[in-house]
Full PDB file with SEQRES, HELIX, SHEET, SSBOND, CRYST1, ORIGX, SCALE, CONECT and MASTER records, all heavy atoms in Angstrom:
SEQRES   1 A   32  GLY VAL ARG ASN ARG LEU ALA ALA VAL GLY ILE TYR PRO          
SEQRES   2 A   32  GLY ALA ARG VAL LYS VAL ILE LYS THR PRO PRO GLY PRO          
SEQRES   3 A   32  PHE ILE VAL GLU VAL ALA                                      
HELIX    1 AA1 VAL A    2  ALA A    7  1                                   6    
SHEET    1 AA1 2 LYS A  18  LYS A  21  0                                        
SHEET    2 AA1 2 ILE A  28  GLU A  30 -1                                        
CRYST1    1.000    1.000    1.000  90.00  90.00  90.00 P 1           1          
ORIGX1      1.000000  0.000000  0.000000        0.00000                         
ORIGX2      0.000000  1.000000  0.000000        0.00000                         
ORIGX3      0.000000  0.000000  1.000000        0.00000                         
SCALE1      1.000000  0.000000  0.000000        0.00000                         
SCALE2      0.000000  1.000000  0.000000        0.00000                         
SCALE3      0.000000  0.000000  1.000000        0.00000                         
ATOM      1  N   GLY A   1      -4.311  16.553 -41.374  1.00  0.00           N  
ATOM      2  CA  GLY A   1      -5.675  17.250 -41.803  1.00  0.00           C  
ATOM      3  C   GLY A   1      -6.582  16.334 -42.514  1.00  0.00           C  
ATOM      4  O   GLY A   1      -7.722  16.255 -42.181  1.00  0.00           O  
ATOM      5  N   VAL A   2      -6.089  15.656 -43.434  1.00  0.00           N  
ATOM      6  CA  VAL A   2      -6.849  14.812 -44.329  1.00  0.00           C  
ATOM      7  C   VAL A   2      -7.352  13.600 -43.458  1.00  0.00           C  
ATOM      8  O   VAL A   2      -8.557  13.248 -43.498  1.00  0.00           O  
ATOM      9  CB  VAL A   2      -5.936  14.192 -45.536  1.00  0.00           C  
ATOM     10  CG1 VAL A   2      -6.745  13.044 -46.204  1.00  0.00           C  
ATOM     11  CG2 VAL A   2      -5.632  15.234 -46.492  1.00  0.00           C  
ATOM     12  N   ARG A   3      -6.492  13.025 -42.645  1.00  0.00           N  
ATOM     13  CA  ARG A   3      -6.865  11.890 -41.781  1.00  0.00           C  
ATOM     14  C   ARG A   3      -8.026  12.329 -40.828  1.00  0.00           C  
ATOM     15  O   ARG A   3      -8.960  11.589 -40.661  1.00  0.00           O  
ATOM     16  CB  ARG A   3      -5.758  11.266 -41.123  1.00  0.00           C  
ATOM     17  CG  ARG A   3      -4.785  10.478 -42.090  1.00  0.00           C  
ATOM     18  CD  ARG A   3      -3.813   9.669 -41.308  1.00  0.00           C  
ATOM     19  NE  ARG A   3      -3.013  10.290 -40.356  1.00  0.00           N  
ATOM     20  CZ  ARG A   3      -1.809  10.906 -40.578  1.00  0.00           C  
ATOM     21  NH1 ARG A   3      -1.326  10.770 -41.738  1.00  0.00           N  
ATOM     22  NH2 ARG A   3      -1.229  11.451 -39.620  1.00  0.00           N  
ATOM     23  N   ASN A   4      -7.842  13.400 -40.188  1.00  0.00           N  
ATOM     24  CA  ASN A   4      -8.845  14.006 -39.222  1.00  0.00           C  
ATOM     25  C   ASN A   4     -10.144  14.309 -39.880  1.00  0.00           C  
ATOM     26  O   ASN A   4     -11.227  13.974 -39.347  1.00  0.00           O  
ATOM     27  CB  ASN A   4      -8.313  15.176 -38.475  1.00  0.00           C  
ATOM     28  CG  ASN A   4      -7.242  14.783 -37.533  1.00  0.00           C  
ATOM     29  OD1 ASN A   4      -6.987  13.711 -37.158  1.00  0.00           O  
ATOM     30  ND2 ASN A   4      -6.485  15.785 -37.091  1.00  0.00           N  
ATOM     31  N   ARG A   5     -10.108  14.869 -41.104  1.00  0.00           N  
ATOM     32  CA  ARG A   5     -11.281  15.272 -41.821  1.00  0.00           C  
ATOM     33  C   ARG A   5     -12.046  13.977 -42.254  1.00  0.00           C  
ATOM     34  O   ARG A   5     -13.313  13.886 -42.046  1.00  0.00           O  
ATOM     35  CB  ARG A   5     -11.017  16.041 -43.044  1.00  0.00           C  
ATOM     36  CG  ARG A   5     -12.217  16.619 -43.744  1.00  0.00           C  
ATOM     37  CD  ARG A   5     -11.761  17.539 -44.850  1.00  0.00           C  
ATOM     38  NE  ARG A   5     -10.489  18.007 -44.856  1.00  0.00           N  
ATOM     39  CZ  ARG A   5      -9.737  18.269 -45.951  1.00  0.00           C  
ATOM     40  NH1 ARG A   5     -10.146  18.108 -47.162  1.00  0.00           N  
ATOM     41  NH2 ARG A   5      -8.514  18.786 -45.771  1.00  0.00           N  
ATOM     42  N   LEU A   6     -11.417  12.974 -42.641  1.00  0.00           N  
ATOM     43  CA  LEU A   6     -12.097  11.794 -42.974  1.00  0.00           C  
ATOM     44  C   LEU A   6     -12.528  10.937 -41.745  1.00  0.00           C  
ATOM     45  O   LEU A   6     -13.715  10.461 -41.727  1.00  0.00           O  
ATOM     46  CB  LEU A   6     -11.166  10.804 -43.761  1.00  0.00           C  
ATOM     47  CG  LEU A   6     -10.832  11.391 -45.260  1.00  0.00           C  
ATOM     48  CD1 LEU A   6      -9.837  10.436 -45.945  1.00  0.00           C  
ATOM     49  CD2 LEU A   6     -12.125  11.440 -46.104  1.00  0.00           C  
ATOM     50  N   ALA A   7     -11.797  10.969 -40.662  1.00  0.00           N  
ATOM     51  CA  ALA A   7     -12.145  10.280 -39.456  1.00  0.00           C  
ATOM     52  C   ALA A   7     -13.462  11.101 -38.879  1.00  0.00           C  
ATOM     53  O   ALA A   7     -14.239  10.293 -38.241  1.00  0.00           O  
ATOM     54  CB  ALA A   7     -11.053  10.357 -38.433  1.00  0.00           C  
ATOM     55  N   ALA A   8     -13.563  12.236 -39.084  1.00  0.00           N  
ATOM     56  CA  ALA A   8     -14.741  12.991 -38.502  1.00  0.00           C  
ATOM     57  C   ALA A   8     -16.097  12.471 -39.166  1.00  0.00           C  
ATOM     58  O   ALA A   8     -17.118  12.651 -38.579  1.00  0.00           O  
ATOM     59  CB  ALA A   8     -14.607  14.515 -38.762  1.00  0.00           C  
ATOM     60  N   VAL A   9     -16.049  11.872 -40.319  1.00  0.00           N  
ATOM     61  CA  VAL A   9     -17.239  11.403 -40.958  1.00  0.00           C  
ATOM     62  C   VAL A   9     -17.199   9.927 -40.897  1.00  0.00           C  
ATOM     63  O   VAL A   9     -18.105   9.358 -41.652  1.00  0.00           O  
ATOM     64  CB  VAL A   9     -17.417  11.923 -42.474  1.00  0.00           C  
ATOM     65  CG1 VAL A   9     -17.609  13.418 -42.405  1.00  0.00           C  
ATOM     66  CG2 VAL A   9     -16.207  11.452 -43.300  1.00  0.00           C  
ATOM     67  N   GLY A  10     -16.323   9.285 -40.238  1.00  0.00           N  
ATOM     68  CA  GLY A  10     -16.381   7.839 -40.063  1.00  0.00           C  
ATOM     69  C   GLY A  10     -15.573   6.997 -41.068  1.00  0.00           C  
ATOM     70  O   GLY A  10     -15.633   5.815 -41.083  1.00  0.00           O  
ATOM     71  N   ILE A  11     -14.660   7.749 -41.727  1.00  0.00           N  
ATOM     72  CA  ILE A  11     -13.716   6.976 -42.708  1.00  0.00           C  
ATOM     73  C   ILE A  11     -12.322   6.925 -41.985  1.00  0.00           C  
ATOM     74  O   ILE A  11     -11.653   7.967 -41.944  1.00  0.00           O  
ATOM     75  CB  ILE A  11     -13.699   7.761 -44.051  1.00  0.00           C  
ATOM     76  CG1 ILE A  11     -15.065   7.800 -44.613  1.00  0.00           C  
ATOM     77  CG2 ILE A  11     -12.626   7.052 -44.909  1.00  0.00           C  
ATOM     78  CD1 ILE A  11     -15.147   8.529 -45.903  1.00  0.00           C  
ATOM     79  N   TYR A  12     -11.985   5.745 -41.487  1.00  0.00           N  
ATOM     80  CA  TYR A  12     -10.721   5.533 -40.790  1.00  0.00           C  
ATOM     81  C   TYR A  12     -10.372   4.047 -40.984  1.00  0.00           C  
ATOM     82  O   TYR A  12     -11.232   3.241 -41.351  1.00  0.00           O  
ATOM     83  CB  TYR A  12     -10.826   5.899 -39.314  1.00  0.00           C  
ATOM     84  CG  TYR A  12     -11.993   5.229 -38.604  1.00  0.00           C  
ATOM     85  CD1 TYR A  12     -12.018   3.927 -38.172  1.00  0.00           C  
ATOM     86  CD2 TYR A  12     -13.181   5.915 -38.556  1.00  0.00           C  
ATOM     87  CE1 TYR A  12     -13.074   3.393 -37.524  1.00  0.00           C  
ATOM     88  CE2 TYR A  12     -14.319   5.400 -37.932  1.00  0.00           C  
ATOM     89  CZ  TYR A  12     -14.339   4.075 -37.453  1.00  0.00           C  
ATOM     90  OH  TYR A  12     -15.314   3.540 -36.950  1.00  0.00           O  
ATOM     91  N   PRO A  13      -9.096   3.614 -40.787  1.00  0.00           N  
ATOM     92  CA  PRO A  13      -8.712   2.252 -40.961  1.00  0.00           C  
ATOM     93  C   PRO A  13      -9.632   1.275 -40.112  1.00  0.00           C  
ATOM     94  O   PRO A  13      -9.818   1.532 -38.935  1.00  0.00           O  
ATOM     95  CB  PRO A  13      -7.354   2.196 -40.518  1.00  0.00           C  
ATOM     96  CG  PRO A  13      -6.758   3.616 -40.673  1.00  0.00           C  
ATOM     97  CD  PRO A  13      -7.976   4.479 -40.437  1.00  0.00           C  
ATOM     98  N   GLY A  14     -10.093   0.290 -40.767  1.00  0.00           N  
ATOM     99  CA  GLY A  14     -10.954  -0.659 -40.139  1.00  0.00           C  
ATOM    100  C   GLY A  14     -12.506  -0.430 -40.456  1.00  0.00           C  
ATOM    101  O   GLY A  14     -13.264  -1.347 -40.278  1.00  0.00           O  
ATOM    102  N   ALA A  15     -12.799   0.793 -40.857  1.00  0.00           N  
ATOM    103  CA  ALA A  15     -14.193   1.090 -41.174  1.00  0.00           C  
ATOM    104  C   ALA A  15     -14.661   0.463 -42.457  1.00  0.00           C  
ATOM    105  O   ALA A  15     -13.878   0.311 -43.352  1.00  0.00           O  
ATOM    106  CB  ALA A  15     -14.409   2.536 -41.173  1.00  0.00           C  
ATOM    107  N   ARG A  16     -15.955   0.153 -42.560  1.00  0.00           N  
ATOM    108  CA  ARG A  16     -16.563  -0.300 -43.873  1.00  0.00           C  
ATOM    109  C   ARG A  16     -17.304   0.781 -44.449  1.00  0.00           C  
ATOM    110  O   ARG A  16     -18.144   1.435 -43.792  1.00  0.00           O  
ATOM    111  CB  ARG A  16     -17.393  -1.498 -43.620  1.00  0.00           C  
ATOM    112  CG  ARG A  16     -16.566  -2.674 -43.206  1.00  0.00           C  
ATOM    113  CD  ARG A  16     -17.303  -4.054 -43.240  1.00  0.00           C  
ATOM    114  NE  ARG A  16     -16.357  -5.136 -42.934  1.00  0.00           N  
ATOM    115  CZ  ARG A  16     -16.775  -6.329 -43.053  1.00  0.00           C  
ATOM    116  NH1 ARG A  16     -17.906  -6.690 -43.430  1.00  0.00           N  
ATOM    117  NH2 ARG A  16     -15.801  -7.269 -42.772  1.00  0.00           N  
ATOM    118  N   VAL A  17     -17.116   0.904 -45.829  1.00  0.00           N  
ATOM    119  CA  VAL A  17     -17.783   1.923 -46.594  1.00  0.00           C  
ATOM    120  C   VAL A  17     -18.439   1.354 -47.783  1.00  0.00           C  
ATOM    121  O   VAL A  17     -17.940   0.469 -48.476  1.00  0.00           O  
ATOM    122  CB  VAL A  17     -16.657   2.923 -46.965  1.00  0.00           C  
ATOM    123  CG1 VAL A  17     -17.170   4.034 -47.944  1.00  0.00           C  
ATOM    124  CG2 VAL A  17     -15.998   3.651 -45.789  1.00  0.00           C  
ATOM    125  N   LYS A  18     -19.578   1.796 -48.149  1.00  0.00           N  
ATOM    126  CA  LYS A  18     -20.274   1.334 -49.372  1.00  0.00           C  
ATOM    127  C   LYS A  18     -20.155   2.426 -50.472  1.00  0.00           C  
ATOM    128  O   LYS A  18     -20.271   3.627 -50.148  1.00  0.00           O  
ATOM    129  CB  LYS A  18     -21.751   1.091 -49.162  1.00  0.00           C  
ATOM    130  CG  LYS A  18     -22.453   0.590 -50.421  1.00  0.00           C  
ATOM    131  CD  LYS A  18     -23.842   0.114 -50.095  1.00  0.00           C  
ATOM    132  CE  LYS A  18     -24.481  -0.431 -51.343  1.00  0.00           C  
ATOM    133  NZ  LYS A  18     -25.868  -0.766 -51.175  1.00  0.00           N  
ATOM    134  N   VAL A  19     -19.650   1.981 -51.608  1.00  0.00           N  
ATOM    135  CA  VAL A  19     -19.474   2.985 -52.696  1.00  0.00           C  
ATOM    136  C   VAL A  19     -20.891   3.135 -53.446  1.00  0.00           C  
ATOM    137  O   VAL A  19     -21.395   2.254 -54.002  1.00  0.00           O  
ATOM    138  CB  VAL A  19     -18.386   2.375 -53.747  1.00  0.00           C  
ATOM    139  CG1 VAL A  19     -18.286   3.445 -54.885  1.00  0.00           C  
ATOM    140  CG2 VAL A  19     -17.140   2.237 -52.951  1.00  0.00           C  
ATOM    141  N   ILE A  20     -21.447   4.333 -53.380  1.00  0.00           N  
ATOM    142  CA  ILE A  20     -22.704   4.584 -53.981  1.00  0.00           C  
ATOM    143  C   ILE A  20     -22.559   5.073 -55.491  1.00  0.00           C  
ATOM    144  O   ILE A  20     -23.288   4.679 -56.331  1.00  0.00           O  
ATOM    145  CB  ILE A  20     -23.421   5.695 -53.189  1.00  0.00           C  
ATOM    146  CG1 ILE A  20     -23.530   5.343 -51.758  1.00  0.00           C  
ATOM    147  CG2 ILE A  20     -24.773   6.122 -53.873  1.00  0.00           C  
ATOM    148  CD1 ILE A  20     -24.376   4.029 -51.495  1.00  0.00           C  
ATOM    149  N   LYS A  21     -21.636   6.023 -55.724  1.00  0.00           N  
ATOM    150  CA  LYS A  21     -21.414   6.476 -57.069  1.00  0.00           C  
ATOM    151  C   LYS A  21     -19.926   6.816 -57.254  1.00  0.00           C  
ATOM    152  O   LYS A  21     -19.183   7.384 -56.455  1.00  0.00           O  
ATOM    153  CB  LYS A  21     -22.264   7.853 -57.267  1.00  0.00           C  
ATOM    154  CG  LYS A  21     -22.220   8.478 -58.631  1.00  0.00           C  
ATOM    155  CD  LYS A  21     -22.963   9.676 -58.782  1.00  0.00           C  
ATOM    156  CE  LYS A  21     -22.891  10.330 -60.127  1.00  0.00           C  
ATOM    157  NZ  LYS A  21     -21.591  10.550 -60.635  1.00  0.00           N  
ATOM    158  N   THR A  22     -19.519   6.472 -58.590  1.00  0.00           N  
ATOM    159  CA  THR A  22     -18.175   6.775 -58.923  1.00  0.00           C  
ATOM    160  C   THR A  22     -18.133   7.847 -60.064  1.00  0.00           C  
ATOM    161  O   THR A  22     -19.163   8.076 -60.572  1.00  0.00           O  
ATOM    162  CB  THR A  22     -17.484   5.507 -59.428  1.00  0.00           C  
ATOM    163  OG1 THR A  22     -18.223   4.984 -60.553  1.00  0.00           O  
ATOM    164  CG2 THR A  22     -17.339   4.370 -58.359  1.00  0.00           C  
ATOM    165  N   PRO A  23     -16.978   8.413 -60.289  1.00  0.00           N  
ATOM    166  CA  PRO A  23     -16.866   9.327 -61.343  1.00  0.00           C  
ATOM    167  C   PRO A  23     -17.363   8.861 -62.715  1.00  0.00           C  
ATOM    168  O   PRO A  23     -17.220   7.672 -62.975  1.00  0.00           O  
ATOM    169  CB  PRO A  23     -15.387   9.701 -61.427  1.00  0.00           C  
ATOM    170  CG  PRO A  23     -14.919   9.384 -60.101  1.00  0.00           C  
ATOM    171  CD  PRO A  23     -15.722   8.280 -59.646  1.00  0.00           C  
ATOM    172  N   PRO A  24     -17.892   9.685 -63.619  1.00  0.00           N  
ATOM    173  CA  PRO A  24     -17.867  11.087 -63.578  1.00  0.00           C  
ATOM    174  C   PRO A  24     -18.837  11.793 -62.567  1.00  0.00           C  
ATOM    175  O   PRO A  24     -19.745  11.142 -62.172  1.00  0.00           O  
ATOM    176  CB  PRO A  24     -18.184  11.579 -64.987  1.00  0.00           C  
ATOM    177  CG  PRO A  24     -19.052  10.474 -65.425  1.00  0.00           C  
ATOM    178  CD  PRO A  24     -18.543   9.231 -64.818  1.00  0.00           C  
ATOM    179  N   GLY A  25     -18.351  12.975 -62.113  1.00  0.00           N  
ATOM    180  CA  GLY A  25     -19.159  13.566 -61.091  1.00  0.00           C  
ATOM    181  C   GLY A  25     -18.497  13.372 -59.707  1.00  0.00           C  
ATOM    182  O   GLY A  25     -17.540  12.713 -59.670  1.00  0.00           O  
ATOM    183  N   PRO A  26     -19.272  13.561 -58.613  1.00  0.00           N  
ATOM    184  CA  PRO A  26     -18.719  13.394 -57.316  1.00  0.00           C  
ATOM    185  C   PRO A  26     -18.533  11.944 -56.949  1.00  0.00           C  
ATOM    186  O   PRO A  26     -19.378  11.112 -57.526  1.00  0.00           O  
ATOM    187  CB  PRO A  26     -19.564  14.084 -56.408  1.00  0.00           C  
ATOM    188  CG  PRO A  26     -20.918  14.191 -57.093  1.00  0.00           C  
ATOM    189  CD  PRO A  26     -20.554  14.233 -58.506  1.00  0.00           C  
ATOM    190  N   PHE A  27     -17.626  11.513 -56.221  1.00  0.00           N  
ATOM    191  CA  PHE A  27     -17.462  10.223 -55.653  1.00  0.00           C  
ATOM    192  C   PHE A  27     -18.266  10.153 -54.358  1.00  0.00           C  
ATOM    193  O   PHE A  27     -17.910  10.815 -53.420  1.00  0.00           O  
ATOM    194  CB  PHE A  27     -15.850   9.977 -55.441  1.00  0.00           C  
ATOM    195  CG  PHE A  27     -15.730   8.448 -55.270  1.00  0.00           C  
ATOM    196  CD1 PHE A  27     -15.379   7.698 -56.246  1.00  0.00           C  
ATOM    197  CD2 PHE A  27     -15.606   7.952 -53.907  1.00  0.00           C  
ATOM    198  CE1 PHE A  27     -15.027   6.317 -56.036  1.00  0.00           C  
ATOM    199  CE2 PHE A  27     -15.347   6.649 -53.653  1.00  0.00           C  
ATOM    200  CZ  PHE A  27     -15.121   5.826 -54.736  1.00  0.00           C  
ATOM    201  N   ILE A  28     -19.259   9.371 -54.388  1.00  0.00           N  
ATOM    202  CA  ILE A  28     -20.194   9.388 -53.196  1.00  0.00           C  
ATOM    203  C   ILE A  28     -20.064   8.033 -52.462  1.00  0.00           C  
ATOM    204  O   ILE A  28     -20.201   6.960 -53.049  1.00  0.00           O  
ATOM    205  CB  ILE A  28     -21.686   9.527 -53.585  1.00  0.00           C  
ATOM    206  CG1 ILE A  28     -21.786  10.995 -54.253  1.00  0.00           C  
ATOM    207  CG2 ILE A  28     -22.619   9.533 -52.376  1.00  0.00           C  
ATOM    208  CD1 ILE A  28     -23.144  11.230 -54.737  1.00  0.00           C  
ATOM    209  N   VAL A  29     -19.825   8.020 -51.115  1.00  0.00           N  
ATOM    210  CA  VAL A  29     -19.817   6.923 -50.340  1.00  0.00           C  
ATOM    211  C   VAL A  29     -20.783   6.930 -49.216  1.00  0.00           C  
ATOM    212  O   VAL A  29     -21.216   8.055 -48.903  1.00  0.00           O  
ATOM    213  CB  VAL A  29     -18.389   6.674 -49.778  1.00  0.00           C  
ATOM    214  CG1 VAL A  29     -17.406   6.372 -50.771  1.00  0.00           C  
ATOM    215  CG2 VAL A  29     -17.987   7.872 -48.908  1.00  0.00           C  
ATOM    216  N   GLU A  30     -21.181   5.843 -48.599  1.00  0.00           N  
ATOM    217  CA  GLU A  30     -22.141   5.690 -47.559  1.00  0.00           C  
ATOM    218  C   GLU A  30     -21.378   5.156 -46.289  1.00  0.00           C  
ATOM    219  O   GLU A  30     -20.770   4.061 -46.458  1.00  0.00           O  
ATOM    220  CB  GLU A  30     -23.288   4.846 -47.809  1.00  0.00           C  
ATOM    221  CG  GLU A  30     -24.375   4.844 -46.717  1.00  0.00           C  
ATOM    222  CD  GLU A  30     -25.621   4.097 -47.201  1.00  0.00           C  
ATOM    223  OE1 GLU A  30     -25.631   2.838 -47.084  1.00  0.00           O  
ATOM    224  OE2 GLU A  30     -26.524   4.819 -47.660  1.00  0.00           O  
ATOM    225  N   VAL A  31     -21.447   5.772 -45.181  1.00  0.00           N  
ATOM    226  CA  VAL A  31     -20.771   5.312 -44.010  1.00  0.00           C  
ATOM    227  C   VAL A  31     -21.789   5.474 -42.851  1.00  0.00           C  
ATOM    228  O   VAL A  31     -22.410   6.566 -42.571  1.00  0.00           O  
ATOM    229  CB  VAL A  31     -19.522   6.348 -43.661  1.00  0.00           C  
ATOM    230  CG1 VAL A  31     -18.775   5.788 -42.449  1.00  0.00           C  
ATOM    231  CG2 VAL A  31     -18.671   6.472 -44.825  1.00  0.00           C  
ATOM    232  N   ALA A  32     -22.108   4.327 -42.278  1.00  0.00           N  
ATOM    233  CA  ALA A  32     -23.009   4.281 -41.023  1.00  0.00           C  
ATOM    234  C   ALA A  32     -24.337   5.066 -41.436  1.00  0.00           C  
ATOM    235  O   ALA A  32     -24.811   5.771 -40.609  1.00  0.00           O  
ATOM    236  CB  ALA A  32     -22.254   4.830 -39.820  1.00  0.00           C  
TER     237      ALA A  32                                                      
MASTER        0    0    0    1    2    0    0    6  236    1    0    3          
END                                                                             
């Protein structure tokens, strides 16, 4: 379930992600 939920938004092994914001607050990433 976790892997499928993340894959649905483009987060899967091999993908590149930019970290926009870290805690405190929500952890925000940019994908594609």
